[in-house]
Amino acid sequence: MSTTDWKADLTWLNPPPHHDFAGGTVHVRTGKETDFWRETFYGFWRDNG
């Protein structure tokens, strides 16, 4: 598998405003107030994505 093949298999649930692929790594910079919560510290479950 070449280094460009793995990128074709990726999909975004909620695409970030800025991303880059460099050296086999995905670099992501999120937007403001874009946290995706599944479970809180207090044990509450909420899928807000």
Protein backbone atom coordinates (compact mmCIF):
# COMPACT_ATOMS: atom_id res chain seq x y z
CA MET A 1 0.00 0.00 0.00
CA SER A 2 1.42 3.40 -0.92
CA THR A 3 1.20 6.42 1.37
CA THR A 4 -1.53 8.02 -0.75
CA ASP A 5 -3.93 5.03 -0.65
CA TRP A 6 -4.90 5.34 3.03
CA LYS A 7 -6.27 8.89 2.56
CA ALA A 8 -8.83 7.70 0.00
CA ASP A 9 -10.43 5.43 2.62
CA LEU A 10 -11.04 8.21 5.15
CA THR A 11 -14.41 9.91 5.59
CA TRP A 12 -15.38 12.80 7.87
CA LEU A 13 -18.46 12.71 10.10
CA ASN A 14 -18.14 16.48 10.56
CA PRO A 15 -15.30 17.86 8.43
CA PRO A 16 -12.94 20.22 10.27
CA PRO A 17 -12.34 23.68 8.82
CA HIS A 18 -8.59 22.98 8.47
CA HIS A 19 -6.77 19.69 7.96
CA ASP A 20 -3.56 18.49 6.36
CA PHE A 21 -1.85 15.19 5.63
CA ALA A 22 1.91 15.28 6.19
CA GLY A 23 4.42 12.51 6.78
CA GLY A 24 1.76 9.83 7.24
CA THR A 25 -0.04 11.91 9.87
CA VAL A 26 -3.35 13.76 9.86
CA HIS A 27 -3.13 17.27 11.34
CA VAL A 28 -6.49 18.78 12.35
CA ARG A 29 -7.35 22.26 13.60
CA THR A 30 -10.93 22.41 14.83
CA GLY A 31 -13.30 25.35 14.76
CA LYS A 32 -14.61 27.20 17.79
CA GLU A 33 -17.18 25.43 19.98
CA THR A 34 -17.00 22.16 18.04
CA ASP A 35 -16.47 19.64 20.83
CA PHE A 36 -18.09 16.27 20.18
CA TRP A 37 -19.23 14.77 23.48
CA ARG A 38 -20.12 11.16 24.12
CA GLU A 39 -19.84 10.86 27.90
CA THR A 40 -19.23 13.56 30.47
CA PHE A 41 -17.07 13.43 33.57
CA TYR A 42 -20.27 13.04 35.61
CA GLY A 43 -21.44 9.97 33.69
CA PHE A 44 -24.06 11.62 31.49
CA TRP A 45 -24.29 10.29 27.93
CA ARG A 46 -25.02 12.69 25.13
CA ASP A 47 -24.21 12.34 21.46
CA ASN A 48 -24.10 15.92 20.24
CA GLY A 49 -22.18 15.44 17.01
